Amino acid sequence: MEKNKNTSFFSVVFFLSVICFVVIQIFISKYHLKLKSNTEIGKEILRKNTQSFLDEEISKKSNVETNNESNSNNNDEINEEDSDYSEISNSYKNSNNVKEINTEKTITNVRWQIKIPKINLIANIQEGTDKETLNKYVGHFEETQKEEGNIGLAGHNRGYEVNYFARLRELQKGDKIIYQYNNYKKTYEVIRILIIKDTNWEVLENTEENILTLITCVENEPEYRRCVQAEELIEK
């Protein structure tokens, strides 16, 4: 009798152990499935975040390139926006107490012209260096001379319908320039080619020698100017 009771007890214990084992296996299986599911979701989230980051970086790069291109185009415009040379002109006048000169735009019965055979240039000259003047003519720095001394002229080199100094950078020492103001007609020879700051007015100061000073902008460098100076060629 006692033996049957022990056998029955062990059977119950065994049965319960089996049930517990099965339950534990089911729990472990569900846990693995959930973990796998979370891992796949995590991977998907990571993939989406990574793709979003890459898209954002590509977008930033595209915007930077667009801005650089825009800035490059703006630089081109800025270079010729400096076409109004009145700032350097005014600075020179203020620093040297230069007397105001009659700047009447309409000059009748005046032959005022510059010729540069090397670059096939023939252009009329007009008083002033403001945008309105330079859009049509080579401009004359009002505070400089018209005949004897230092004659200062300015002109566009690109970006406008009239770009008389477009090929000024091709000039070299020894090239000839012909300047005429009424009956005053002289031939000059290039002696200096300079790159100057846009605030440098020393090149416009008057000289004992007869000098012709030509100024235009420097491509993509709005703070600088190209300056060509020529001296009167005296025939021996």
Protein backbone atom coordinates (compact mmCIF):
# COMPACT_ATOMS: atom_id res chain seq x y z
CA MET A 1 0.00 0.00 0.00
CA GLU A 2 2.81 2.33 1.00
CA LYS A 3 4.64 1.46 -2.20
CA ASN A 4 1.63 2.43 -4.36
CA LYS A 5 1.43 5.81 -2.66
CA ASN A 6 5.07 6.53 -3.39
CA THR A 7 4.66 5.51 -7.00
CA SER A 8 1.60 7.75 -7.37
CA PHE A 9 3.48 10.69 -5.80
CA PHE A 10 6.43 10.39 -8.14
CA SER A 11 4.09 10.13 -11.12
CA VAL A 12 2.39 13.37 -10.15
CA VAL A 13 5.74 15.09 -9.66
CA PHE A 14 6.96 13.83 -13.01
CA PHE A 15 3.80 14.97 -14.76
CA LEU A 16 4.05 18.42 -13.21
CA SER A 17 7.71 18.63 -14.19
CA VAL A 18 6.83 17.84 -17.78
CA ILE A 19 4.11 20.50 -17.77
CA CYS A 20 6.52 23.07 -16.29
CA PHE A 21 9.15 22.18 -18.91
CA VAL A 22 6.65 22.60 -21.74
CA VAL A 23 5.45 25.93 -20.32
CA ILE A 24 9.04 27.15 -19.99
CA GLN A 25 9.82 26.07 -23.56
CA ILE A 26 6.74 27.92 -24.82
CA PHE A 27 7.78 31.02 -22.89
CA ILE A 28 11.33 30.85 -24.22
CA SER A 29 10.05 30.36 -27.77
CA LYS A 30 7.77 33.41 -27.51
CA TYR A 31 10.61 35.43 -26.02
CA HIS A 32 12.87 34.55 -28.95
CA LEU A 33 10.16 35.46 -31.42
CA LYS A 34 9.59 38.79 -29.72
CA LEU A 35 13.32 39.47 -29.56
CA LYS A 36 13.70 38.64 -33.24
CA SER A 37 10.76 40.87 -34.09
CA ASN A 38 12.22 43.76 -32.08
CA THR A 39 15.57 43.23 -33.76
CA GLU A 40 14.00 43.40 -37.23
CA ILE A 41 12.09 46.53 -36.22
CA GLY A 42 15.31 48.00 -34.88
CA LYS A 43 17.09 47.22 -38.10
CA GLU A 44 14.29 48.82 -40.10
CA ILE A 45 14.36 51.93 -37.90
CA LEU A 46 18.13 52.11 -38.22
CA ARG A 47 17.89 51.69 -41.99
CA LYS A 48 15.27 54.44 -42.25
CA ASN A 49 17.26 56.78 -40.01
CA THR A 50 20.42 56.11 -41.98
CA GLN A 51 18.63 56.74 -45.27
CA SER A 52 17.09 59.91 -43.85
CA PHE A 53 20.53 61.10 -42.73
CA LEU A 54 22.04 60.37 -46.14
CA ASP A 55 19.18 62.16 -47.89
CA GLU A 56 19.67 65.15 -45.62
CA GLU A 57 23.42 65.24 -46.28
CA ILE A 58 22.84 65.00 -50.03
CA SER A 59 20.34 67.83 -49.79
CA LYS A 60 22.81 69.97 -47.82
CA LYS A 61 25.55 69.28 -50.35
CA SER A 62 23.23 70.17 -53.19
CA ASN A 63 22.27 73.43 -51.46
CA VAL A 64 25.93 74.28 -50.85
CA GLU A 65 26.78 73.67 -54.52
CA THR A 66 23.80 75.77 -55.57
CA ASN A 67 24.87 78.58 -53.24
CA ASN A 68 28.45 78.39 -54.49
CA GLU A 69 27.27 78.63 -58.06
CA SER A 70 25.02 81.54 -57.12
CA ASN A 71 27.90 83.25 -55.29
CA SER A 72 30.12 82.69 -58.31
CA ASN A 73 27.54 84.34 -60.56
CA ASN A 74 27.13 87.15 -58.04
CA ASN A 75 30.90 87.65 -58.04
CA ASP A 76 30.78 88.15 -61.79
CA GLU A 77 28.09 90.76 -61.33
CA ILE A 78 29.94 92.38 -58.42
CA ASN A 79 33.05 92.71 -60.53
CA GLU A 80 31.19 94.87 -63.00
CA GLU A 81 29.09 96.49 -60.31
CA ASP A 82 32.32 98.18 -59.30
CA SER A 83 31.97 99.89 -62.67
CA ASP A 84 31.04 103.04 -60.80
CA TYR A 85 34.54 104.38 -60.16
CA SER A 86 33.27 107.51 -58.44
CA GLU A 87 34.33 106.12 -55.03
CA ILE A 88 38.03 106.11 -55.83
CA SER A 89 37.56 109.43 -57.59
CA ASN A 90 35.86 111.03 -54.56
CA SER A 91 38.47 109.60 -52.19
CA TYR A 92 41.21 111.21 -54.24
CA LYS A 93 39.46 114.56 -54.28
CA ASN A 94 38.75 114.52 -50.53
CA SER A 95 42.29 113.55 -49.56
CA ASN A 96 43.96 116.07 -51.84
CA ASN A 97 41.48 118.97 -51.63
CA VAL A 98 41.09 118.93 -55.38
CA LYS A 99 38.95 121.76 -56.68
CA GLU A 100 35.67 120.85 -58.32
CA ILE A 101 35.86 120.81 -62.09
CA ASN A 102 33.00 121.54 -64.44
CA THR A 103 31.54 118.10 -65.16
CA GLU A 104 28.95 119.05 -67.73
CA LYS A 105 28.06 115.81 -69.53
CA THR A 106 27.16 117.32 -72.88
CA ILE A 107 30.29 118.65 -74.51
CA THR A 108 29.68 120.02 -77.95
CA ASN A 109 32.23 120.33 -80.73
CA VAL A 110 34.77 118.26 -78.78
CA ARG A 111 36.69 115.38 -80.26
CA TRP A 112 37.60 113.27 -77.27
CA GLN A 113 38.83 109.81 -78.11
CA ILE A 114 41.20 106.97 -77.25
CA LYS A 115 42.70 104.43 -79.66
CA ILE A 116 44.67 101.30 -78.79
CA PRO A 117 45.78 99.52 -82.01
CA LYS A 118 47.03 96.41 -80.13
CA ILE A 119 43.46 95.51 -79.06
CA ASN A 120 41.61 97.20 -81.95
CA LEU A 121 40.01 99.75 -79.65
CA ILE A 122 38.52 103.07 -80.73
CA ALA A 123 36.28 104.68 -78.11
CA ASN A 124 34.80 108.06 -77.33
CA ILE A 125 35.50 109.59 -73.93
CA GLN A 126 33.03 111.40 -71.68
CA GLU A 127 33.43 113.32 -68.44
CA GLY A 128 32.71 111.33 -65.26
CA THR A 129 33.05 107.75 -64.00
CA ASP A 130 29.50 107.04 -62.85
CA LYS A 131 27.52 104.07 -64.18
CA GLU A 132 25.48 106.17 -66.58
CA THR A 133 28.62 107.44 -68.27
CA LEU A 134 30.48 104.11 -68.34
CA ASN A 135 27.48 102.38 -69.89
CA LYS A 136 28.14 104.41 -73.04
CA TYR A 137 31.69 105.73 -72.99
CA VAL A 138 35.16 105.47 -71.57
CA GLY A 139 34.91 107.71 -68.51
CA HIS A 140 37.29 110.50 -67.52
CA PHE A 141 38.23 110.94 -63.85
CA GLU A 142 37.04 114.49 -63.32
CA GLU A 143 39.87 115.47 -60.97
CA THR A 144 42.58 114.47 -63.45
CA GLN A 145 43.93 116.40 -66.41
CA LYS A 146 42.60 116.44 -69.96
CA GLU A 147 45.85 117.38 -71.66
CA GLU A 148 49.21 117.89 -69.95
CA GLY A 149 49.92 115.81 -66.84
CA ASN A 150 48.19 112.65 -65.64
CA ILE A 151 45.01 111.81 -67.58
CA GLY A 152 42.84 109.22 -65.80
CA LEU A 153 40.34 107.07 -67.71
CA ALA A 154 38.05 104.20 -66.65
CA GLY A 155 35.97 101.61 -68.51
CA HIS A 156 34.05 98.35 -68.25
CA ASN A 157 35.71 95.09 -69.24
CA ARG A 158 32.71 92.72 -69.27
CA GLY A 159 29.04 92.34 -68.40
CA TYR A 160 27.69 95.35 -70.29
CA GLU A 161 26.76 96.27 -73.84
CA VAL A 162 29.77 98.56 -73.88
CA ASN A 163 32.99 96.96 -72.58
CA TYR A 164 35.74 99.08 -74.05
CA PHE A 165 38.43 97.77 -71.70
CA ALA A 166 37.58 94.08 -72.22
CA ARG A 167 41.04 93.35 -73.64
CA LEU A 168 43.02 95.77 -71.53
CA ARG A 169 44.74 92.84 -69.79
CA GLU A 170 46.38 91.94 -73.14
CA LEU A 171 48.48 95.09 -73.16
CA GLN A 172 52.20 94.85 -72.53
CA LYS A 173 55.00 97.32 -71.96
CA GLY A 174 55.82 99.10 -75.17
CA ASP A 175 52.31 98.97 -76.66
CA LYS A 176 51.06 102.25 -78.11
CA ILE A 177 47.98 104.26 -77.06
CA ILE A 178 46.69 107.29 -78.94
CA TYR A 179 44.77 109.94 -76.99
CA GLN A 180 43.01 112.96 -78.46
CA TYR A 181 41.23 115.87 -76.82
CA ASN A 182 40.29 118.48 -79.43
CA ASN A 183 43.57 119.58 -81.03
CA TYR A 184 45.63 117.87 -78.35
CA LYS A 185 46.69 114.54 -79.79
CA LYS A 186 49.48 112.44 -78.32
CA THR A 187 50.84 108.93 -78.64
CA TYR A 188 51.68 107.16 -75.39
CA GLU A 189 53.71 104.02 -74.68
CA VAL A 190 52.75 101.55 -71.93
CA ILE A 191 55.32 101.64 -69.10
CA ARG A 192 53.50 100.04 -66.15
CA ILE A 193 50.81 97.40 -65.60
CA LEU A 194 49.58 97.23 -62.01
CA ILE A 195 46.95 95.53 -59.86
CA ILE A 196 45.82 98.04 -57.22
CA LYS A 197 43.30 98.20 -54.39
CA ASP A 198 40.00 99.89 -55.20
CA THR A 199 40.90 102.55 -52.58
CA ASN A 200 44.26 103.39 -54.15
CA TRP A 201 44.04 106.86 -55.67
CA GLU A 202 47.77 107.53 -55.83
CA VAL A 203 47.84 106.46 -59.49
CA LEU A 204 45.57 109.43 -60.27
CA GLU A 205 47.84 112.06 -58.74
CA ASN A 206 49.13 114.59 -61.20
CA THR A 207 52.61 114.14 -62.62
CA GLU A 208 55.20 116.28 -64.32
CA GLU A 209 55.39 113.75 -67.11
CA ASN A 210 52.48 113.34 -69.50
CA ILE A 211 50.89 110.10 -68.28
CA LEU A 212 47.79 108.24 -69.42
CA THR A 213 46.26 106.09 -66.64
CA LEU A 214 43.66 103.47 -67.62
CA ILE A 215 41.68 101.67 -64.89
CA THR A 216 39.25 98.77 -65.04
CA CYS A 217 38.12 96.01 -62.69
CA VAL A 218 39.87 92.68 -62.08
CA GLU A 219 37.83 89.58 -62.91
CA ASN A 220 36.39 87.90 -59.76
CA GLU A 221 38.32 90.23 -57.45
CA PRO A 222 35.97 93.14 -56.65
CA GLU A 223 38.43 94.79 -54.24
CA TYR A 224 41.10 95.24 -56.91
CA ARG A 225 41.59 97.19 -60.13
CA ARG A 226 43.78 96.69 -63.18
CA CYS A 227 45.80 99.79 -63.91
CA VAL A 228 47.72 100.45 -67.12
CA GLN A 229 49.92 103.52 -67.27
CA ALA A 230 51.48 104.89 -70.44
CA GLU A 231 53.89 107.78 -70.90
CA GLU A 232 53.95 110.25 -73.78
CA LEU A 233 56.13 108.94 -76.57
CA ILE A 234 58.55 111.69 -77.57
CA GLU A 235 59.94 111.21 -81.05
CA LYS A 236 63.65 111.81 -81.28
